[in-house]
C-alpha atoms as a PDB file:
ATOM      1  CA  UNK A   1       6.498  35.441 -21.617  1.00  0.00           C
ATOM      2  CA  UNK A   2       6.462  35.544 -17.990  1.00  0.00           C
ATOM      3  CA  UNK A   3       6.195  31.934 -17.770  1.00  0.00           C
ATOM      4  CA  UNK A   4       9.509  31.712 -20.083  1.00  0.00           C
ATOM      5  CA  UNK A   5      11.525  34.084 -17.792  1.00  0.00           C
ATOM      6  CA  UNK A   6      10.167  31.870 -14.819  1.00  0.00           C
ATOM      7  CA  UNK A   7      11.519  28.877 -16.099  1.00  0.00           C
ATOM      8  CA  UNK A   8      15.139  30.570 -16.712  1.00  0.00           C
ATOM      9  CA  UNK A   9      14.801  31.835 -13.267  1.00  0.00           C
ATOM     10  CA  UNK A  10      14.182  28.508 -11.646  1.00  0.00           C
ATOM     11  CA  UNK A  11      17.256  27.083 -13.661  1.00  0.00           C
ATOM     12  CA  UNK A  12      19.461  29.709 -12.478  1.00  0.00           C
ATOM     13  CA  UNK A  13      17.939  28.785  -8.641  1.00  0.00           C
ATOM     14  CA  UNK A  14      18.844  25.100  -9.448  1.00  0.00           C
ATOM     15  CA  UNK A  15      22.086  25.887 -10.309  1.00  0.00           C
ATOM     16  CA  UNK A  16      22.993  28.170  -7.424  1.00  0.00           C
ATOM     17  CA  UNK A  17      21.791  25.902  -4.868  1.00  0.00           C
ATOM     18  CA  UNK A  18      23.779  23.035  -6.491  1.00  0.00           C
ATOM     19  CA  UNK A  19      26.777  25.132  -6.779  1.00  0.00           C
ATOM     20  CA  UNK A  20      26.298  26.093  -2.756  1.00  0.00           C
ATOM     21  CA  UNK A  21      26.178  22.599  -1.948  1.00  0.00           C
ATOM     22  CA  UNK A  22      29.082  21.512  -3.990  1.00  0.00           C
ATOM     23  CA  UNK A  23      31.729  24.225  -3.752  1.00  0.00           C
ATOM     24  CA  UNK A  24      32.996  25.463  -0.212  1.00  0.00           C
ATOM     25  CA  UNK A  25      33.440  28.891  -1.399  1.00  0.00           C
ATOM     26  CA  UNK A  26      29.812  29.166  -2.060  1.00  0.00           C
ATOM     27  CA  UNK A  27      28.425  27.599   1.313  1.00  0.00           C
ATOM     28  CA  UNK A  28      27.313  31.002   2.466  1.00  0.00           C
ATOM     29  CA  UNK A  29      24.590  31.155  -0.649  1.00  0.00           C
ATOM     30  CA  UNK A  30      22.958  27.874   0.867  1.00  0.00           C
ATOM     31  CA  UNK A  31      19.496  28.658   0.570  1.00  0.00           C
ATOM     32  CA  UNK A  32      19.462  31.647  -1.845  1.00  0.00           C
ATOM     33  CA  UNK A  33      18.763  29.515  -4.766  1.00  0.00           C
ATOM     34  CA  UNK A  34      15.575  28.168  -3.180  1.00  0.00           C
ATOM     35  CA  UNK A  35      14.548  31.479  -2.265  1.00  0.00           C
ATOM     36  CA  UNK A  36      14.728  32.619  -6.125  1.00  0.00           C
ATOM     37  CA  UNK A  37      13.037  29.124  -7.102  1.00  0.00           C
ATOM     38  CA  UNK A  38      10.156  29.710  -5.160  1.00  0.00           C
ATOM     39  CA  UNK A  39       9.770  33.402  -5.891  1.00  0.00           C
ATOM     40  CA  UNK A  40       9.719  33.541  -9.433  1.00  0.00           C
ATOM     41  CA  UNK A  41       6.586  31.030  -9.816  1.00  0.00           C
ATOM     42  CA  UNK A  42       4.891  33.041  -6.950  1.00  0.00           C
ATOM     43  CA  UNK A  43       5.425  36.485  -8.928  1.00  0.00           C
ATOM     44  CA  UNK A  44       4.049  34.711 -12.133  1.00  0.00           C
ATOM     45  CA  UNK A  45       0.767  33.366 -10.383  1.00  0.00           C
ATOM     46  CA  UNK A  46       0.406  36.835  -8.598  1.00  0.00           C
ATOM     47  CA  UNK A  47       0.929  38.522 -12.206  1.00  0.00           C
ATOM     48  CA  UNK A  48      -1.522  35.980 -13.618  1.00  0.00           C
ATOM     49  CA  UNK A  49      -4.209  36.524 -10.968  1.00  0.00           C
ATOM     50  CA  UNK A  50      -4.130  40.275 -10.858  1.00  0.00           C
ATOM     51  CA  UNK A  51      -4.305  40.094 -14.809  1.00  0.00           C
ATOM     52  CA  UNK A  52      -8.016  38.394 -14.308  1.00  0.00           C
ATOM     53  CA  UNK A  53      -9.113  41.345 -12.444  1.00  0.00           C
ATOM     54  CA  UNK A  54      -8.065  44.293 -14.259  1.00  0.00           C
ATOM     55  CA  UNK A  55     -10.447  47.410 -14.320  1.00  0.00           C
ATOM     56  CA  UNK A  56     -10.450  49.697 -17.193  1.00  0.00           C
ATOM     57  CA  UNK A  57      -8.406  52.307 -15.371  1.00  0.00           C
ATOM     58  CA  UNK A  58      -5.908  49.689 -14.656  1.00  0.00           C
ATOM     59  CA  UNK A  59      -5.253  48.514 -18.399  1.00  0.00           C
ATOM     60  CA  UNK A  60      -2.306  51.167 -18.550  1.00  0.00           C
ATOM     61  CA  UNK A  61      -0.299  49.696 -16.198  1.00  0.00           C
ATOM     62  CA  UNK A  62      -0.902  46.127 -16.686  1.00  0.00           C
ATOM     63  CA  UNK A  63       0.337  46.765 -20.565  1.00  0.00           C
ATOM     64  CA  UNK A  64       3.315  48.312 -19.041  1.00  0.00           C
ATOM     65  CA  UNK A  65       4.031  45.139 -17.155  1.00  0.00           C
ATOM     66  CA  UNK A  66       3.134  43.038 -19.830  1.00  0.00           C
ATOM     67  CA  UNK A  67       5.996  44.393 -21.987  1.00  0.00           C
ATOM     68  CA  UNK A  68       8.440  44.013 -19.657  1.00  0.00           C
ATOM     69  CA  UNK A  69       8.486  40.556 -18.022  1.00  0.00           C
ATOM     70  CA  UNK A  70      12.173  40.363 -17.909  1.00  0.00           C
ATOM     71  CA  UNK A  71      12.523  43.369 -15.800  1.00  0.00           C
ATOM     72  CA  UNK A  72       9.516  42.369 -13.456  1.00  0.00           C
ATOM     73  CA  UNK A  73      11.119  39.041 -12.855  1.00  0.00           C
ATOM     74  CA  UNK A  74      14.580  40.528 -12.502  1.00  0.00           C
ATOM     75  CA  UNK A  75      13.316  42.855  -9.993  1.00  0.00           C
ATOM     76  CA  UNK A  76      11.622  40.072  -7.924  1.00  0.00           C
ATOM     77  CA  UNK A  77      14.809  37.980  -7.814  1.00  0.00           C
ATOM     78  CA  UNK A  78      16.646  41.105  -6.717  1.00  0.00           C
ATOM     79  CA  UNK A  79      14.180  41.920  -3.985  1.00  0.00           C
ATOM     80  CA  UNK A  80      14.177  38.022  -2.982  1.00  0.00           C
ATOM     81  CA  UNK A  81      18.183  38.383  -2.519  1.00  0.00           C
ATOM     82  CA  UNK A  82      17.966  41.529  -0.923  1.00  0.00           C
ATOM     83  CA  UNK A  83      15.447  40.448   1.819  1.00  0.00           C
ATOM     84  CA  UNK A  84      17.311  37.070   2.231  1.00  0.00           C
ATOM     85  CA  UNK A  85      20.326  39.005   2.648  1.00  0.00           C
ATOM     86  CA  UNK A  86      19.016  41.058   5.374  1.00  0.00           C
ATOM     87  CA  UNK A  87      17.250  38.399   7.276  1.00  0.00           C
ATOM     88  CA  UNK A  88      20.644  36.479   7.058  1.00  0.00           C
ATOM     89  CA  UNK A  89      22.612  39.222   8.649  1.00  0.00           C
ATOM     90  CA  UNK A  90      19.655  40.383  10.974  1.00  0.00           C
ATOM     91  CA  UNK A  91      19.084  43.865   9.523  1.00  0.00           C
ATOM     92  CA  UNK A  92      15.406  42.885   9.726  1.00  0.00           C
ATOM     93  CA  UNK A  93      13.646  40.042  11.022  1.00  0.00           C
ATOM     94  CA  UNK A  94      10.146  38.253   9.951  1.00  0.00           C
ATOM     95  CA  UNK A  95       8.244  35.976  12.104  1.00  0.00           C
ATOM     96  CA  UNK A  96       5.181  34.332  11.157  1.00  0.00           C
ATOM     97  CA  UNK A  97       3.793  32.834  14.623  1.00  0.00           C
ATOM     98  CA  UNK A  98       6.502  31.558  16.238  1.00  0.00           C
ATOM     99  CA  UNK A  99       8.805  30.902  12.974  1.00  0.00           C
ATOM    100  CA  UNK A 100      11.796  33.210  12.352  1.00  0.00           C
ATOM    101  CA  UNK A 101      12.402  33.083   8.560  1.00  0.00           C
ATOM    102  CA  UNK A 102      16.229  34.408   8.911  1.00  0.00           C
ATOM    103  CA  UNK A 103      16.856  30.512   9.308  1.00  0.00           C
ATOM    104  CA  UNK A 104      16.105  29.995   5.603  1.00  0.00           C
ATOM    105  CA  UNK A 105      19.608  28.900   4.803  1.00  0.00           C
ATOM    106  CA  UNK A 106      19.375  25.709   7.260  1.00  0.00           C
ATOM    107  CA  UNK A 107      15.498  24.813   5.960  1.00  0.00           C
ATOM    108  CA  UNK A 108      14.501  24.184   2.550  1.00  0.00           C
ATOM    109  CA  UNK A 109      10.717  24.870   3.676  1.00  0.00           C
ATOM    110  CA  UNK A 110      11.603  27.999   5.186  1.00  0.00           C
ATOM    111  CA  UNK A 111      13.632  29.022   1.920  1.00  0.00           C
ATOM    112  CA  UNK A 112      10.806  28.175  -0.135  1.00  0.00           C
ATOM    113  CA  UNK A 113       8.204  29.802   2.079  1.00  0.00           C
ATOM    114  CA  UNK A 114      10.333  32.922   2.115  1.00  0.00           C
ATOM    115  CA  UNK A 115      10.820  33.079  -1.809  1.00  0.00           C
ATOM    116  CA  UNK A 116       6.644  32.457  -2.033  1.00  0.00           C
ATOM    117  CA  UNK A 117       6.249  35.468   0.403  1.00  0.00           C
ATOM    118  CA  UNK A 118       8.612  37.792  -1.601  1.00  0.00           C
ATOM    119  CA  UNK A 119       7.120  36.405  -4.967  1.00  0.00           C
ATOM    120  CA  UNK A 120       3.302  37.210  -4.236  1.00  0.00           C
ATOM    121  CA  UNK A 121       3.832  40.315  -2.279  1.00  0.00           C
ATOM    122  CA  UNK A 122       6.735  41.942  -4.519  1.00  0.00           C
ATOM    123  CA  UNK A 123       5.162  45.496  -4.983  1.00  0.00           C
ATOM    124  CA  UNK A 124       4.573  45.711  -1.332  1.00  0.00           C
ATOM    125  CA  UNK A 125       7.588  44.546   0.149  1.00  0.00           C
ATOM    126  CA  UNK A 126       9.677  46.649  -2.514  1.00  0.00           C
ATOM    127  CA  UNK A 127       8.157  49.759  -0.851  1.00  0.00           C
ATOM    128  CA  UNK A 128       8.990  48.660   2.446  1.00  0.00           C
ATOM    129  CA  UNK A 129      12.309  47.526   1.833  1.00  0.00           C
ATOM    130  CA  UNK A 130      13.197  50.889  -0.030  1.00  0.00           C
ATOM    131  CA  UNK A 131      11.968  52.497   3.042  1.00  0.00           C
ATOM    132  CA  UNK A 132      14.122  50.274   5.557  1.00  0.00           C
ATOM    133  CA  UNK A 133      17.264  50.742   3.372  1.00  0.00           C
ATOM    134  CA  UNK A 134      16.723  54.406   3.583  1.00  0.00           C
ATOM    135  CA  UNK A 135      16.750  54.110   7.312  1.00  0.00           C
ATOM    136  CA  UNK A 136      19.744  51.948   7.445  1.00  0.00           C
ATOM    137  CA  UNK A 137      21.707  54.146   5.195  1.00  0.00           C
ATOM    138  CA  UNK A 138      20.758  57.334   6.519  1.00  0.00           C
ATOM    139  CA  UNK A 139      21.119  56.465  10.171  1.00  0.00           C
ATOM    140  CA  UNK A 140      17.127  57.143  10.669  1.00  0.00           C
END
């Protein structure tokens, strides 16, 4: 199931990236399709990897995610898009070494790297992003 939703998301990313490069009114979305395309396979890999290391106590959580692959993949896409938007608008900045991931719209490599980072670390990023949004919205 995860793989099927992942392929559907990949197709959406390809269409979004193609549309952003062919229609002037969508030029601001350049790179977002690539972020989506990289985040979904990374999330799928992360879920598969975690399923190999399930303890007895972790079975209920695994079963919960196993039956909701659409919600899981949708949450990864939303998280990737929010993080990319925050990077683009400079609400947050992420640097790995000397590379600023905020330049993802201009670089295929950065966009794919950003997507892979989001997909592999979706759970941890969602908690951090929620905290950041609360600070921005509440002014703290």
